[in-house]
Amino acid sequence: MRIIPAIDIINGQCVRLTQGDYDQKKVYNENPLEVAKMYEDAGIKYLHLVDLDGAKSGHIVNHEVLESITSETSLIVDFGGGVKSDEDIKIALNAGAAQVTCGSIAVKNPVKVLEWGDEFGADKIIIGADVKERKIAVQGWTESTTLSVEDLLHKYLSDGFEYVICTDIATDGMLQGPNIELYRELLETFPVIKLIASGGVSSMGDIEKLDQLGIEGVIIGKAIYENKISLKELEQYNA
């Protein structure tokens, strides 16, 4: 199982939001590269980098942060936030992203995402399923839809995509545990899915439960920053 720390960027700084609320922002470090190097030094191999400015504005903003991390560390970075156009995805991939997360655009312009899968390879694309009461939310979680998570995933998995980051918005940043039942149901419904869990992870116990489900990876954000989980404890997963 991939251990994937998250770095969320606003104004070039590492921040965390609570339930995606930009008004509930806490700055943890003004230097994302410094944080990334800390993860690398601890044996971490993967990083989830989110351009929150990009998610809000509808185009990539913090690509220079991405490039600094991919050029100055060995971390395998998946990047998301504001990827809406051909130019955006090329910027992300050229800046060193190993995979690009498509959230809002996967809902609003599936034809474009399918084109990207054909052009760059479906393995380069992660479908971002941000879920609120089993329905998909978009635009940095500011807009609700009537689309169910199952309907979204059925569309993409049947078209050859495998990687999905599923974030339960209700748990994100709350440090009260992930939505285990949601992930279990998605794994049972879609056996081919490479599911990455995001939201609510607060302890090693949470990580162990997700590992037992057979999940592809787990994104950890606030729990590391708030010292609920230490990088030392995560070493068993870094081999």
Protein backbone atom coordinates (compact mmCIF):
# COMPACT_ATOMS: atom_id res chain seq x y z
CA MET A 1 0.00 0.00 0.00
CA ARG A 2 1.30 3.42 -0.96
CA ILE A 3 1.76 5.90 1.88
CA ILE A 4 1.14 9.29 0.29
CA PRO A 5 1.61 12.42 2.38
CA ALA A 6 -0.29 15.45 1.11
CA ILE A 7 1.04 18.94 0.52
CA ASP A 8 -1.72 21.45 -0.22
CA ILE A 9 -0.58 24.79 -1.64
CA ILE A 10 -2.07 28.26 -1.29
CA ASN A 11 0.11 31.26 -2.17
CA GLY A 12 3.12 28.94 -2.41
CA GLN A 13 2.70 27.80 1.23
CA CYS A 14 1.83 24.42 2.77
CA VAL A 15 -1.65 24.63 4.24
CA ARG A 16 -4.47 22.37 5.37
CA LEU A 17 -8.15 23.11 5.08
CA THR A 18 -10.97 21.63 7.13
CA GLN A 19 -13.65 19.96 4.97
CA GLY A 20 -12.32 21.88 1.98
CA ASP A 21 -13.25 25.26 3.47
CA TYR A 22 -10.83 27.96 2.30
CA ASP A 23 -11.87 30.06 5.30
CA GLN A 24 -10.63 27.31 7.63
CA LYS A 25 -7.02 27.44 6.49
CA LYS A 26 -3.94 26.75 8.59
CA VAL A 27 -0.45 27.42 7.28
CA TYR A 28 2.01 24.73 8.38
CA ASN A 29 5.13 25.70 6.46
CA GLU A 30 6.03 28.47 4.06
CA ASN A 31 8.41 26.21 2.12
CA PRO A 32 6.80 23.17 0.42
CA LEU A 33 10.16 21.93 -0.86
CA GLU A 34 11.44 21.78 2.71
CA VAL A 35 8.46 19.62 3.68
CA ALA A 36 8.92 17.38 0.65
CA LYS A 37 12.58 16.84 1.52
CA MET A 38 11.57 15.94 5.06
CA TYR A 39 9.31 13.22 3.66
CA GLU A 40 12.03 11.99 1.33
CA ASP A 41 14.55 11.83 4.19
CA ALA A 42 12.06 9.68 6.14
CA GLY A 43 11.94 7.12 3.32
CA ILE A 44 8.62 8.24 1.86
CA LYS A 45 8.38 7.53 -1.88
CA TYR A 46 5.13 9.22 -2.89
CA LEU A 47 3.60 12.68 -2.57
CA HIS A 48 0.12 14.08 -3.26
CA LEU A 49 0.50 17.73 -4.26
CA VAL A 50 -2.63 19.86 -4.53
CA ASP A 51 -2.73 23.33 -6.06
CA LEU A 52 -5.61 24.83 -4.08
CA ASP A 53 -5.19 28.16 -5.83
CA GLY A 54 -5.54 26.28 -9.10
CA ALA A 55 -8.61 24.39 -7.92
CA LYS A 56 -10.30 27.67 -7.10
CA SER A 57 -9.22 29.61 -10.19
CA GLY A 58 -9.75 26.84 -12.77
CA HIS A 59 -6.19 26.62 -14.08
CA ILE A 60 -2.81 25.57 -12.70
CA VAL A 61 -1.19 28.26 -10.55
CA ASN A 62 1.56 26.65 -8.46
CA HIS A 63 3.38 24.61 -11.11
CA GLU A 64 6.72 26.07 -10.00
CA VAL A 65 6.26 24.37 -6.63
CA LEU A 66 5.65 21.08 -8.43
CA GLU A 67 8.76 21.53 -10.56
CA SER A 68 10.95 22.38 -7.57
CA ILE A 69 9.85 19.23 -5.74
CA THR A 70 10.19 16.86 -8.71
CA SER A 71 13.58 18.29 -9.70
CA GLU A 72 15.07 18.41 -6.20
CA THR A 73 13.69 15.21 -4.66
CA SER A 74 13.12 11.63 -5.82
CA LEU A 75 9.47 11.67 -4.74
CA ILE A 76 6.88 10.27 -7.14
CA VAL A 77 4.34 13.07 -7.27
CA ASP A 78 0.70 13.02 -8.23
CA PHE A 79 -0.57 16.51 -8.88
CA GLY A 80 -4.06 17.99 -8.86
CA GLY A 81 -5.88 21.27 -8.68
CA GLY A 82 -6.96 23.37 -11.62
CA VAL A 83 -6.16 20.90 -14.39
CA LYS A 84 -8.77 21.93 -16.93
CA SER A 85 -7.07 22.34 -20.32
CA ASP A 86 -4.58 20.64 -22.64
CA GLU A 87 -2.10 23.31 -21.58
CA ASP A 88 -2.65 22.55 -17.88
CA ILE A 89 -2.00 18.83 -18.16
CA LYS A 90 1.09 19.40 -20.30
CA ILE A 91 2.40 21.92 -17.76
CA ALA A 92 1.90 19.38 -14.95
CA LEU A 93 3.52 16.48 -16.79
CA ASN A 94 6.39 18.64 -18.07
CA ALA A 95 6.97 19.86 -14.51
CA GLY A 96 7.52 16.25 -13.46
CA ALA A 97 4.18 14.96 -12.23
CA ALA A 98 4.06 11.16 -12.47
CA GLN A 99 0.27 11.27 -12.44
CA VAL A 100 -2.32 14.03 -12.73
CA THR A 101 -5.55 14.02 -10.76
CA CYS A 102 -8.64 15.03 -12.73
CA GLY A 103 -11.50 16.02 -10.45
CA SER A 104 -13.95 18.66 -11.65
CA ILE A 105 -13.05 18.13 -15.30
CA ALA A 106 -13.77 14.39 -15.00
CA VAL A 107 -17.36 15.38 -14.22
CA LYS A 108 -17.76 18.39 -16.49
CA ASN A 109 -15.78 17.34 -19.55
CA PRO A 110 -15.33 13.56 -19.66
CA VAL A 111 -14.57 13.63 -23.39
CA LYS A 112 -11.44 15.68 -22.66
CA VAL A 113 -10.29 13.29 -19.94
CA LEU A 114 -10.77 10.33 -22.28
CA GLU A 115 -8.64 12.17 -24.87
CA TRP A 116 -5.92 12.64 -22.28
CA GLY A 117 -6.04 8.96 -21.43
CA ASP A 118 -5.50 8.14 -25.09
CA GLU A 119 -2.72 10.71 -25.52
CA PHE A 120 -0.75 10.31 -22.31
CA GLY A 121 -1.85 6.85 -21.08
CA ALA A 122 -4.68 6.05 -18.68
CA ASP A 123 -2.09 5.19 -16.02
CA LYS A 124 -1.03 8.88 -15.99
CA ILE A 125 -4.53 9.95 -14.99
CA ILE A 126 -6.11 9.63 -11.55
CA ILE A 127 -9.85 10.22 -11.39
CA GLY A 128 -10.57 12.44 -8.42
CA ALA A 129 -13.88 11.49 -6.81
CA ASP A 130 -14.70 14.02 -4.10
CA VAL A 131 -17.74 12.72 -2.30
CA LYS A 132 -20.33 14.43 -0.13
CA GLU A 133 -23.19 12.18 1.00
CA ARG A 134 -22.36 9.78 -1.87
CA LYS A 135 -22.63 12.56 -4.47
CA ILE A 136 -19.72 14.14 -6.33
CA ALA A 137 -18.64 17.71 -5.50
CA VAL A 138 -16.57 19.87 -7.86
CA GLN A 139 -14.82 23.25 -8.15
CA GLY A 140 -12.68 22.83 -5.05
CA TRP A 141 -15.73 21.28 -3.32
CA THR A 142 -17.67 24.52 -3.59
CA GLU A 143 -20.28 23.05 -5.96
CA SER A 144 -22.47 19.97 -5.41
CA THR A 145 -23.77 17.69 -8.17
CA THR A 146 -26.41 14.99 -8.41
CA LEU A 147 -23.88 12.50 -9.84
CA SER A 148 -23.25 9.47 -7.63
CA VAL A 149 -19.72 8.28 -7.02
CA GLU A 150 -20.68 4.86 -8.43
CA ASP A 151 -21.90 6.34 -11.71
CA LEU A 152 -18.76 8.44 -12.11
CA LEU A 153 -16.44 5.51 -11.49
CA HIS A 154 -18.39 3.09 -13.67
CA LYS A 155 -17.91 5.45 -16.61
CA TYR A 156 -14.14 5.73 -16.26
CA LEU A 157 -13.29 2.22 -15.13
CA SER A 158 -15.19 0.81 -18.12
CA ASP A 159 -13.04 3.05 -20.34
CA GLY A 160 -9.76 1.61 -19.05
CA PHE A 161 -8.89 3.98 -16.23
CA GLU A 162 -7.88 2.32 -12.96
CA TYR A 163 -6.57 4.93 -10.53
CA VAL A 164 -9.05 6.77 -8.31
CA ILE A 165 -8.57 9.09 -5.36
CA CYS A 166 -11.78 9.09 -3.36
CA THR A 167 -12.07 11.82 -0.76
CA ASP A 168 -14.94 11.81 1.70
CA ILE A 169 -15.40 15.55 2.26
CA ALA A 170 -17.22 15.07 5.56
CA THR A 171 -14.14 13.45 7.11
CA ASP A 172 -11.43 15.59 5.46
CA GLY A 173 -9.30 17.44 7.96
CA MET A 174 -11.44 16.26 10.87
CA LEU A 175 -8.99 13.65 12.24
CA GLN A 176 -11.92 11.38 13.12
CA GLY A 177 -11.16 8.39 10.90
CA PRO A 178 -11.77 7.63 7.22
CA ASN A 179 -15.02 6.37 5.71
CA ILE A 180 -14.06 2.69 5.75
CA GLU A 181 -17.52 1.54 4.68
CA LEU A 182 -17.47 3.71 1.55
CA TYR A 183 -14.10 2.32 0.48
CA ARG A 184 -15.13 -1.25 1.20
CA GLU A 185 -18.23 -0.86 -0.96
CA LEU A 186 -16.27 0.70 -3.84
CA LEU A 187 -13.70 -2.10 -3.77
CA GLU A 188 -16.48 -4.70 -3.84
CA THR A 189 -18.36 -2.93 -6.64
CA PHE A 190 -15.28 -2.27 -8.79
CA PRO A 191 -12.76 -5.12 -8.42
CA VAL A 192 -10.30 -3.60 -10.91
CA ILE A 193 -10.08 -0.25 -9.15
CA LYS A 194 -6.76 1.04 -7.78
CA LEU A 195 -8.34 3.01 -4.99
CA ILE A 196 -6.52 5.68 -3.02
CA ALA A 197 -8.28 6.76 0.17
CA SER A 198 -8.25 10.37 1.27
CA GLY A 199 -9.83 12.15 4.20
CA GLY A 200 -9.99 11.62 7.93
CA VAL A 201 -6.91 9.47 8.52
CA SER A 202 -5.94 10.13 12.13
CA SER A 203 -3.95 7.15 13.43
CA MET A 204 -1.91 4.09 12.51
CA GLY A 205 -5.04 2.11 13.32
CA ASP A 206 -6.84 3.86 10.45
CA ILE A 207 -3.98 3.02 8.11
CA GLU A 208 -4.00 -0.63 9.16
CA LYS A 209 -7.77 -0.88 8.51
CA LEU A 210 -7.32 0.58 5.02
CA ASP A 211 -4.41 -1.76 4.33
CA GLN A 212 -6.58 -4.75 5.29
CA LEU A 213 -9.16 -3.65 2.71
CA GLY A 214 -6.57 -4.11 -0.02
CA ILE A 215 -6.47 -0.48 -0.98
CA GLU A 216 -3.86 0.93 -3.42
CA GLY A 217 -2.81 3.84 -1.25
CA VAL A 218 -3.72 6.26 1.50
CA ILE A 219 -3.27 10.02 1.52
CA ILE A 220 -2.30 11.47 4.89
CA GLY A 221 -2.42 15.20 5.55
CA LYS A 222 -3.24 16.85 8.82
CA ALA A 223 -2.44 13.74 10.90
CA ILE A 224 1.26 14.15 10.08
CA TYR A 225 1.30 17.91 10.58
CA GLU A 226 -0.52 17.57 13.91
CA ASN A 227 1.79 14.72 15.06
CA LYS A 228 -1.02 12.17 15.27
CA ILE A 229 1.10 9.90 13.05
CA SER A 230 4.90 10.03 13.02
CA LEU A 231 7.06 9.47 9.96
CA LYS A 232 8.89 6.85 12.03
CA GLU A 233 5.67 4.84 12.41
CA LEU A 234 5.17 4.89 8.66
CA GLU A 235 8.56 3.32 7.92
CA GLN A 236 7.09 -0.21 7.88
CA TYR A 237 5.19 0.73 4.70
CA ASN A 238 8.16 2.31 2.90
CA ALA A 239 10.08 -0.86 2.08
